[in-house]
Amino acid sequence: MGDNVDLNTSYTIKDMPLSERPREKLYKYGVKSLSNAELIAVIIRTGNREDTAIDLANRLLSMDSKGLGFLSDASFEELTSVKGIGKCKASQILSAIELGKRISTQRGEEKVKVTSPIDIVNLLMEEMRYLNKEHFNVAILDTKNQIISIEGISIGNLNSSIVHPREVFNAAIRRSANAIILIHNHPSGDPTPSREDINITNRIIEAGNIIGIKVLDHIIIGDNRYISFKERSII
């Protein structure tokens, strides 16, 4: 006769060995020792009668093949569609993700000086690599090549009707730009420039030469990869 199983008994993180509980691991070994699922479990704190917090975290990570990347751009409605994730847990997750994004781009009062494309890539890779639409941004630089601001110009498929030199230089002129760097992402993860990418870049460069604001580079961000038009001698 096998052991009787009480179906009304829930399994919780407290039933796990002490060394395997996410918060205890964090206390003892530091936050870097936690897996993605364990980090999410710490954020949402509790599971439900059927699942532990780690079970729910794994369910969230399996929503899409991108895993954690999908969560970086997930909506409130998408999160709450997962069994066991209510409004409170969804709010906690979204708040943690947004805080991480803001920290990744925050550099205090000190301006970031651009000396190579990697300076822009380090600043924006984590924010842009998982976006599921093309976002076209412009880094506006002063006379010392320090970033004054990064302005969003358009969201959608990159084409000449969406990205117009008028919008690009309107933002640059308002911020008293000395030079600009164009940045956009490829949701496919492959940063290889298309013919349209090159055509748009040339149009913006021509407009900049007339206005007197130099276009230093166009950087395309993929999934942990990038291409700089300047490095590739495309411009």
C-alpha atoms as a PDB file:
ATOM      1  CA  MET A   1       0.000   0.000   0.000  1.00  0.00           C
ATOM      2  CA  GLY A   2       1.567   3.339  -1.049  1.00  0.00           C
ATOM      3  CA  ASP A   3       1.766   6.439   1.107  1.00  0.00           C
ATOM      4  CA  ASN A   4      -1.420   8.452   1.293  1.00  0.00           C
ATOM      5  CA  VAL A   5      -1.065  11.922  -0.251  1.00  0.00           C
ATOM      6  CA  ASP A   6      -3.108  14.766   1.144  1.00  0.00           C
ATOM      7  CA  LEU A   7      -4.163  16.711  -1.949  1.00  0.00           C
ATOM      8  CA  ASN A   8      -5.156  19.671   0.214  1.00  0.00           C
ATOM      9  CA  THR A   9      -1.614  20.107   1.481  1.00  0.00           C
ATOM     10  CA  SER A  10       0.261  22.858  -0.343  1.00  0.00           C
ATOM     11  CA  TYR A  11       3.985  22.795  -0.973  1.00  0.00           C
ATOM     12  CA  THR A  12       5.735  26.001  -0.010  1.00  0.00           C
ATOM     13  CA  ILE A  13       9.262  27.390  -0.171  1.00  0.00           C
ATOM     14  CA  LYS A  14       9.474  26.739   3.582  1.00  0.00           C
ATOM     15  CA  ASP A  15       9.369  23.027   2.752  1.00  0.00           C
ATOM     16  CA  MET A  16      12.594  23.392   0.756  1.00  0.00           C
ATOM     17  CA  PRO A  17      15.990  22.830   2.391  1.00  0.00           C
ATOM     18  CA  LEU A  18      17.123  26.039   4.064  1.00  0.00           C
ATOM     19  CA  SER A  19      20.146  26.336   1.755  1.00  0.00           C
ATOM     20  CA  GLU A  20      17.883  26.266  -1.332  1.00  0.00           C
ATOM     21  CA  ARG A  21      15.390  28.928  -0.275  1.00  0.00           C
ATOM     22  CA  PRO A  22      15.898  32.044  -2.442  1.00  0.00           C
ATOM     23  CA  ARG A  23      16.049  34.626   0.334  1.00  0.00           C
ATOM     24  CA  GLU A  24      18.333  32.493   2.482  1.00  0.00           C
ATOM     25  CA  LYS A  25      20.629  31.953  -0.517  1.00  0.00           C
ATOM     26  CA  LEU A  26      20.670  35.701  -1.072  1.00  0.00           C
ATOM     27  CA  TYR A  27      21.579  36.358   2.575  1.00  0.00           C
ATOM     28  CA  LYS A  28      24.392  33.820   2.544  1.00  0.00           C
ATOM     29  CA  TYR A  29      25.838  33.995  -0.957  1.00  0.00           C
ATOM     30  CA  GLY A  30      24.687  37.345  -2.355  1.00  0.00           C
ATOM     31  CA  VAL A  31      22.103  38.281  -4.960  1.00  0.00           C
ATOM     32  CA  LYS A  32      24.265  37.111  -7.889  1.00  0.00           C
ATOM     33  CA  SER A  33      23.949  33.519  -6.692  1.00  0.00           C
ATOM     34  CA  LEU A  34      20.214  33.463  -7.495  1.00  0.00           C
ATOM     35  CA  SER A  35      18.780  32.150 -10.746  1.00  0.00           C
ATOM     36  CA  ASN A  36      16.298  34.245 -12.743  1.00  0.00           C
ATOM     37  CA  ALA A  37      13.419  32.225 -11.284  1.00  0.00           C
ATOM     38  CA  GLU A  38      14.714  32.702  -7.741  1.00  0.00           C
ATOM     39  CA  LEU A  39      15.036  36.460  -8.247  1.00  0.00           C
ATOM     40  CA  ILE A  40      11.435  36.653  -9.426  1.00  0.00           C
ATOM     41  CA  ALA A  41      10.376  34.472  -6.479  1.00  0.00           C
ATOM     42  CA  VAL A  42      11.970  36.944  -4.060  1.00  0.00           C
ATOM     43  CA  ILE A  43      10.038  39.778  -5.742  1.00  0.00           C
ATOM     44  CA  ILE A  44       6.622  38.102  -5.674  1.00  0.00           C
ATOM     45  CA  ARG A  45       7.329  36.633  -2.188  1.00  0.00           C
ATOM     46  CA  THR A  46       4.579  34.024  -2.052  1.00  0.00           C
ATOM     47  CA  GLY A  47       2.975  31.340  -4.164  1.00  0.00           C
ATOM     48  CA  ASN A  48      -0.515  29.948  -3.800  1.00  0.00           C
ATOM     49  CA  ARG A  49      -2.154  26.686  -2.678  1.00  0.00           C
ATOM     50  CA  GLU A  50      -0.964  24.897  -5.801  1.00  0.00           C
ATOM     51  CA  ASP A  51       2.389  26.465  -6.619  1.00  0.00           C
ATOM     52  CA  THR A  52       5.417  27.858  -4.834  1.00  0.00           C
ATOM     53  CA  ALA A  53       6.751  31.302  -5.737  1.00  0.00           C
ATOM     54  CA  ILE A  54       9.487  29.540  -7.756  1.00  0.00           C
ATOM     55  CA  ASP A  55       6.849  27.532  -9.647  1.00  0.00           C
ATOM     56  CA  LEU A  56       5.088  30.774 -10.569  1.00  0.00           C
ATOM     57  CA  ALA A  57       8.403  32.350 -11.546  1.00  0.00           C
ATOM     58  CA  ASN A  58       9.214  29.458 -13.874  1.00  0.00           C
ATOM     59  CA  ARG A  59       5.738  29.728 -15.374  1.00  0.00           C
ATOM     60  CA  LEU A  60       6.409  33.393 -16.133  1.00  0.00           C
ATOM     61  CA  LEU A  61       9.800  32.633 -17.675  1.00  0.00           C
ATOM     62  CA  SER A  62       8.257  29.982 -19.920  1.00  0.00           C
ATOM     63  CA  MET A  63       5.617  32.322 -21.359  1.00  0.00           C
ATOM     64  CA  ASP A  64       7.839  32.991 -24.362  1.00  0.00           C
ATOM     65  CA  SER A  65      11.032  31.549 -25.827  1.00  0.00           C
ATOM     66  CA  LYS A  66      12.812  34.806 -24.919  1.00  0.00           C
ATOM     67  CA  GLY A  67      12.363  33.982 -21.241  1.00  0.00           C
ATOM     68  CA  LEU A  68      13.574  36.901 -19.159  1.00  0.00           C
ATOM     69  CA  GLY A  69      13.759  39.027 -22.294  1.00  0.00           C
ATOM     70  CA  PHE A  70      10.013  38.687 -22.781  1.00  0.00           C
ATOM     71  CA  LEU A  71       9.352  39.866 -19.233  1.00  0.00           C
ATOM     72  CA  SER A  72      11.339  43.057 -19.844  1.00  0.00           C
ATOM     73  CA  ASP A  73       8.602  44.268 -22.196  1.00  0.00           C
ATOM     74  CA  ALA A  74       5.573  42.342 -20.874  1.00  0.00           C
ATOM     75  CA  SER A  75       2.324  44.166 -20.207  1.00  0.00           C
ATOM     76  CA  PHE A  76       0.199  44.096 -17.066  1.00  0.00           C
ATOM     77  CA  GLU A  77      -2.460  42.148 -18.955  1.00  0.00           C
ATOM     78  CA  GLU A  78       0.032  39.527 -20.143  1.00  0.00           C
ATOM     79  CA  LEU A  79       1.337  38.948 -16.618  1.00  0.00           C
ATOM     80  CA  THR A  80      -2.080  38.677 -15.011  1.00  0.00           C
ATOM     81  CA  SER A  81      -3.126  36.154 -17.666  1.00  0.00           C
ATOM     82  CA  VAL A  82      -0.749  33.667 -15.990  1.00  0.00           C
ATOM     83  CA  LYS A  83      -2.471  31.451 -13.439  1.00  0.00           C
ATOM     84  CA  GLY A  84      -1.353  32.480  -9.963  1.00  0.00           C
ATOM     85  CA  ILE A  85      -0.226  35.997 -10.942  1.00  0.00           C
ATOM     86  CA  GLY A  86      -2.729  38.537  -9.700  1.00  0.00           C
ATOM     87  CA  LYS A  87      -2.695  42.312  -9.824  1.00  0.00           C
ATOM     88  CA  CYS A  88      -0.383  42.643  -6.809  1.00  0.00           C
ATOM     89  CA  LYS A  89       2.288  40.233  -8.085  1.00  0.00           C
ATOM     90  CA  ALA A  90       2.114  41.698 -11.609  1.00  0.00           C
ATOM     91  CA  SER A  91       2.591  45.191 -10.166  1.00  0.00           C
ATOM     92  CA  GLN A  92       5.607  44.038  -8.146  1.00  0.00           C
ATOM     93  CA  ILE A  93       7.226  42.471 -11.210  1.00  0.00           C
ATOM     94  CA  LEU A  94       6.582  45.452 -13.487  1.00  0.00           C
ATOM     95  CA  SER A  95       7.883  47.872 -10.862  1.00  0.00           C
ATOM     96  CA  ALA A  96      11.098  45.863 -10.383  1.00  0.00           C
ATOM     97  CA  ILE A  97      11.674  45.680 -14.157  1.00  0.00           C
ATOM     98  CA  GLU A  98      11.064  49.404 -14.625  1.00  0.00           C
ATOM     99  CA  LEU A  99      13.384  50.250 -11.730  1.00  0.00           C
ATOM    100  CA  GLY A 100      16.109  48.104 -13.328  1.00  0.00           C
ATOM    101  CA  LYS A 101      15.661  49.904 -16.656  1.00  0.00           C
ATOM    102  CA  ARG A 102      15.899  53.303 -14.997  1.00  0.00           C
ATOM    103  CA  ILE A 103      19.000  52.341 -13.025  1.00  0.00           C
ATOM    104  CA  SER A 104      20.679  51.021 -16.187  1.00  0.00           C
ATOM    105  CA  THR A 105      20.363  54.414 -17.870  1.00  0.00           C
ATOM    106  CA  GLN A 106      20.961  56.571 -14.806  1.00  0.00           C
ATOM    107  CA  ARG A 107      24.359  58.197 -14.560  1.00  0.00           C
ATOM    108  CA  GLY A 108      23.672  60.784 -11.880  1.00  0.00           C
ATOM    109  CA  GLU A 109      24.718  64.336 -12.591  1.00  0.00           C
ATOM    110  CA  GLU A 110      27.860  63.333 -14.455  1.00  0.00           C
ATOM    111  CA  LYS A 111      27.458  63.459 -18.218  1.00  0.00           C
ATOM    112  CA  VAL A 112      28.471  60.434 -20.253  1.00  0.00           C
ATOM    113  CA  LYS A 113      31.181  61.218 -22.806  1.00  0.00           C
ATOM    114  CA  VAL A 114      31.010  59.253 -26.033  1.00  0.00           C
ATOM    115  CA  THR A 115      34.451  58.163 -27.206  1.00  0.00           C
ATOM    116  CA  SER A 116      33.377  55.077 -29.164  1.00  0.00           C
ATOM    117  CA  PRO A 117      30.173  53.234 -30.165  1.00  0.00           C
ATOM    118  CA  ILE A 118      30.502  50.905 -27.175  1.00  0.00           C
ATOM    119  CA  ASP A 119      29.723  53.826 -24.858  1.00  0.00           C
ATOM    120  CA  ILE A 120      26.273  54.100 -26.435  1.00  0.00           C
ATOM    121  CA  VAL A 121      25.859  50.327 -26.587  1.00  0.00           C
ATOM    122  CA  ASN A 122      26.661  49.916 -22.879  1.00  0.00           C
ATOM    123  CA  LEU A 123      24.128  52.607 -22.081  1.00  0.00           C
ATOM    124  CA  LEU A 124      21.233  51.246 -24.137  1.00  0.00           C
ATOM    125  CA  MET A 125      21.771  47.533 -24.842  1.00  0.00           C
ATOM    126  CA  GLU A 126      19.774  46.160 -21.906  1.00  0.00           C
ATOM    127  CA  GLU A 127      16.964  48.641 -22.508  1.00  0.00           C
ATOM    128  CA  MET A 128      16.672  48.047 -26.263  1.00  0.00           C
ATOM    129  CA  ARG A 129      17.765  44.461 -26.997  1.00  0.00           C
ATOM    130  CA  TYR A 130      14.414  42.882 -26.082  1.00  0.00           C
ATOM    131  CA  LEU A 131      12.030  45.448 -27.584  1.00  0.00           C
ATOM    132  CA  ASN A 132       9.517  43.843 -29.935  1.00  0.00           C
ATOM    133  CA  LYS A 133       9.165  46.938 -32.134  1.00  0.00           C
ATOM    134  CA  GLU A 134      11.791  49.129 -33.767  1.00  0.00           C
ATOM    135  CA  HIS A 135      12.552  52.181 -31.649  1.00  0.00           C
ATOM    136  CA  PHE A 136      14.481  55.030 -33.280  1.00  0.00           C
ATOM    137  CA  ASN A 137      16.403  57.205 -30.813  1.00  0.00           C
ATOM    138  CA  VAL A 138      18.872  60.056 -31.107  1.00  0.00           C
ATOM    139  CA  ALA A 139      21.743  60.731 -28.717  1.00  0.00           C
ATOM    140  CA  ILE A 140      22.257  64.487 -28.568  1.00  0.00           C
ATOM    141  CA  LEU A 141      25.842  65.578 -27.856  1.00  0.00           C
ATOM    142  CA  ASP A 142      27.475  68.819 -26.769  1.00  0.00           C
ATOM    143  CA  THR A 143      30.782  70.245 -28.016  1.00  0.00           C
ATOM    144  CA  LYS A 144      32.719  67.780 -25.810  1.00  0.00           C
ATOM    145  CA  ASN A 145      30.770  64.782 -27.155  1.00  0.00           C
ATOM    146  CA  GLN A 146      28.983  64.450 -23.832  1.00  0.00           C
ATOM    147  CA  ILE A 147      25.398  63.211 -23.946  1.00  0.00           C
ATOM    148  CA  ILE A 148      22.909  65.986 -23.313  1.00  0.00           C
ATOM    149  CA  SER A 149      19.954  63.634 -23.693  1.00  0.00           C
ATOM    150  CA  ILE A 150      18.669  60.620 -25.593  1.00  0.00           C
ATOM    151  CA  GLU A 151      15.444  61.414 -27.402  1.00  0.00           C
ATOM    152  CA  GLY A 152      12.889  58.930 -28.726  1.00  0.00           C
ATOM    153  CA  ILE A 153      11.889  59.822 -32.278  1.00  0.00           C
ATOM    154  CA  SER A 154       9.614  57.018 -33.438  1.00  0.00           C
ATOM    155  CA  ILE A 155       8.335  53.522 -32.710  1.00  0.00           C
ATOM    156  CA  GLY A 156       7.406  51.093 -35.462  1.00  0.00           C
ATOM    157  CA  ASN A 157       8.885  49.718 -38.649  1.00  0.00           C
ATOM    158  CA  LEU A 158      11.838  51.792 -39.736  1.00  0.00           C
ATOM    159  CA  ASN A 159      10.991  53.575 -42.980  1.00  0.00           C
ATOM    160  CA  SER A 160      11.228  57.016 -44.454  1.00  0.00           C
ATOM    161  CA  SER A 161       7.633  57.929 -43.620  1.00  0.00           C
ATOM    162  CA  ILE A 162       8.181  57.266 -39.907  1.00  0.00           C
ATOM    163  CA  VAL A 163      11.747  58.532 -39.465  1.00  0.00           C
ATOM    164  CA  HIS A 164      11.975  61.965 -41.017  1.00  0.00           C
ATOM    165  CA  PRO A 165      14.984  64.313 -40.693  1.00  0.00           C
ATOM    166  CA  ARG A 166      12.564  67.015 -39.537  1.00  0.00           C
ATOM    167  CA  GLU A 167      11.748  65.147 -36.300  1.00  0.00           C
ATOM    168  CA  VAL A 168      15.379  64.158 -35.748  1.00  0.00           C
ATOM    169  CA  PHE A 169      16.710  67.699 -35.991  1.00  0.00           C
ATOM    170  CA  ASN A 170      13.767  69.296 -34.237  1.00  0.00           C
ATOM    171  CA  ALA A 171      14.858  67.405 -31.106  1.00  0.00           C
ATOM    172  CA  ALA A 172      18.541  68.198 -31.738  1.00  0.00           C
ATOM    173  CA  ILE A 173      17.964  71.931 -32.228  1.00  0.00           C
ATOM    174  CA  ARG A 174      15.781  72.182 -29.125  1.00  0.00           C
ATOM    175  CA  ARG A 175      18.618  70.679 -27.089  1.00  0.00           C
ATOM    176  CA  SER A 176      21.324  72.850 -28.706  1.00  0.00           C
ATOM    177  CA  ALA A 177      23.124  69.836 -30.150  1.00  0.00           C
ATOM    178  CA  ASN A 178      26.609  70.054 -31.551  1.00  0.00           C
ATOM    179  CA  ALA A 179      26.378  66.530 -32.997  1.00  0.00           C
ATOM    180  CA  ILE A 180      24.070  63.528 -32.867  1.00  0.00           C
ATOM    181  CA  ILE A 181      24.248  59.736 -32.969  1.00  0.00           C
ATOM    182  CA  LEU A 182      21.370  57.745 -34.434  1.00  0.00           C
ATOM    183  CA  ILE A 183      20.334  54.555 -32.634  1.00  0.00           C
ATOM    184  CA  HIS A 184      17.690  51.971 -33.388  1.00  0.00           C
ATOM    185  CA  ASN A 185      17.068  48.321 -32.593  1.00  0.00           C
ATOM    186  CA  HIS A 186      16.248  45.259 -34.672  1.00  0.00           C
ATOM    187  CA  PRO A 187      13.674  43.078 -32.858  1.00  0.00           C
ATOM    188  CA  SER A 188      14.952  40.058 -34.817  1.00  0.00           C
ATOM    189  CA  GLY A 189      18.176  40.296 -32.804  1.00  0.00           C
ATOM    190  CA  ASP A 190      20.270  40.629 -35.986  1.00  0.00           C
ATOM    191  CA  PRO A 191      21.766  44.142 -36.218  1.00  0.00           C
ATOM    192  CA  THR A 192      22.730  43.869 -39.907  1.00  0.00           C
ATOM    193  CA  PRO A 193      21.614  47.114 -41.597  1.00  0.00           C
ATOM    194  CA  SER A 194      19.005  46.983 -44.334  1.00  0.00           C
ATOM    195  CA  ARG A 195      19.071  49.080 -47.496  1.00  0.00           C
ATOM    196  CA  GLU A 196      16.369  51.249 -45.944  1.00  0.00           C
ATOM    197  CA  ASP A 197      18.523  51.754 -42.817  1.00  0.00           C
ATOM    198  CA  ILE A 198      21.354  53.031 -45.004  1.00  0.00           C
ATOM    199  CA  ASN A 199      19.080  55.244 -47.127  1.00  0.00           C
ATOM    200  CA  ILE A 200      17.507  56.898 -44.086  1.00  0.00           C
ATOM    201  CA  THR A 201      20.939  57.467 -42.545  1.00  0.00           C
ATOM    202  CA  ASN A 202      22.205  59.187 -45.692  1.00  0.00           C
ATOM    203  CA  ARG A 203      19.148  61.438 -45.809  1.00  0.00           C
ATOM    204  CA  ILE A 204      19.657  62.486 -42.192  1.00  0.00           C
ATOM    205  CA  ILE A 205      23.376  63.097 -42.766  1.00  0.00           C
ATOM    206  CA  GLU A 206      22.584  65.353 -45.744  1.00  0.00           C
ATOM    207  CA  ALA A 207      20.084  67.322 -43.681  1.00  0.00           C
ATOM    208  CA  GLY A 208      22.597  67.624 -40.842  1.00  0.00           C
ATOM    209  CA  ASN A 209      25.250  69.014 -43.181  1.00  0.00           C
ATOM    210  CA  ILE A 210      22.827  71.744 -44.253  1.00  0.00           C
ATOM    211  CA  ILE A 211      21.757  72.583 -40.704  1.00  0.00           C
ATOM    212  CA  GLY A 212      25.261  72.351 -39.249  1.00  0.00           C
ATOM    213  CA  ILE A 213      24.724  69.418 -36.885  1.00  0.00           C
ATOM    214  CA  LYS A 214      27.023  66.500 -37.638  1.00  0.00           C
ATOM    215  CA  VAL A 215      25.779  62.900 -37.579  1.00  0.00           C
ATOM    216  CA  LEU A 216      28.663  60.999 -35.981  1.00  0.00           C
ATOM    217  CA  ASP A 217      27.296  57.465 -36.239  1.00  0.00           C
ATOM    218  CA  HIS A 218      24.269  55.215 -36.594  1.00  0.00           C
ATOM    219  CA  ILE A 219      24.224  52.280 -34.197  1.00  0.00           C
ATOM    220  CA  ILE A 220      21.899  49.319 -34.660  1.00  0.00           C
ATOM    221  CA  ILE A 221      21.279  47.230 -31.551  1.00  0.00           C
ATOM    222  CA  GLY A 222      20.421  43.531 -31.765  1.00  0.00           C
ATOM    223  CA  ASP A 223      20.321  40.841 -29.103  1.00  0.00           C
ATOM    224  CA  ASN A 224      23.623  41.460 -27.314  1.00  0.00           C
ATOM    225  CA  ARG A 225      25.121  42.458 -30.675  1.00  0.00           C
ATOM    226  CA  TYR A 226      25.457  45.771 -32.433  1.00  0.00           C
ATOM    227  CA  ILE A 227      26.694  47.349 -35.637  1.00  0.00           C
ATOM    228  CA  SER A 228      28.197  50.814 -35.898  1.00  0.00           C
ATOM    229  CA  PHE A 229      27.990  52.446 -39.325  1.00  0.00           C
ATOM    230  CA  LYS A 230      31.136  54.386 -38.468  1.00  0.00           C
ATOM    231  CA  GLU A 231      33.116  51.264 -37.531  1.00  0.00           C
ATOM    232  CA  ARG A 232      31.927  49.498 -40.678  1.00  0.00           C
ATOM    233  CA  SER A 233      32.759  52.567 -42.840  1.00  0.00           C
ATOM    234  CA  ILE A 234      29.142  52.716 -44.044  1.00  0.00           C
ATOM    235  CA  ILE A 235      29.216  56.441 -43.335  1.00  0.00           C
END
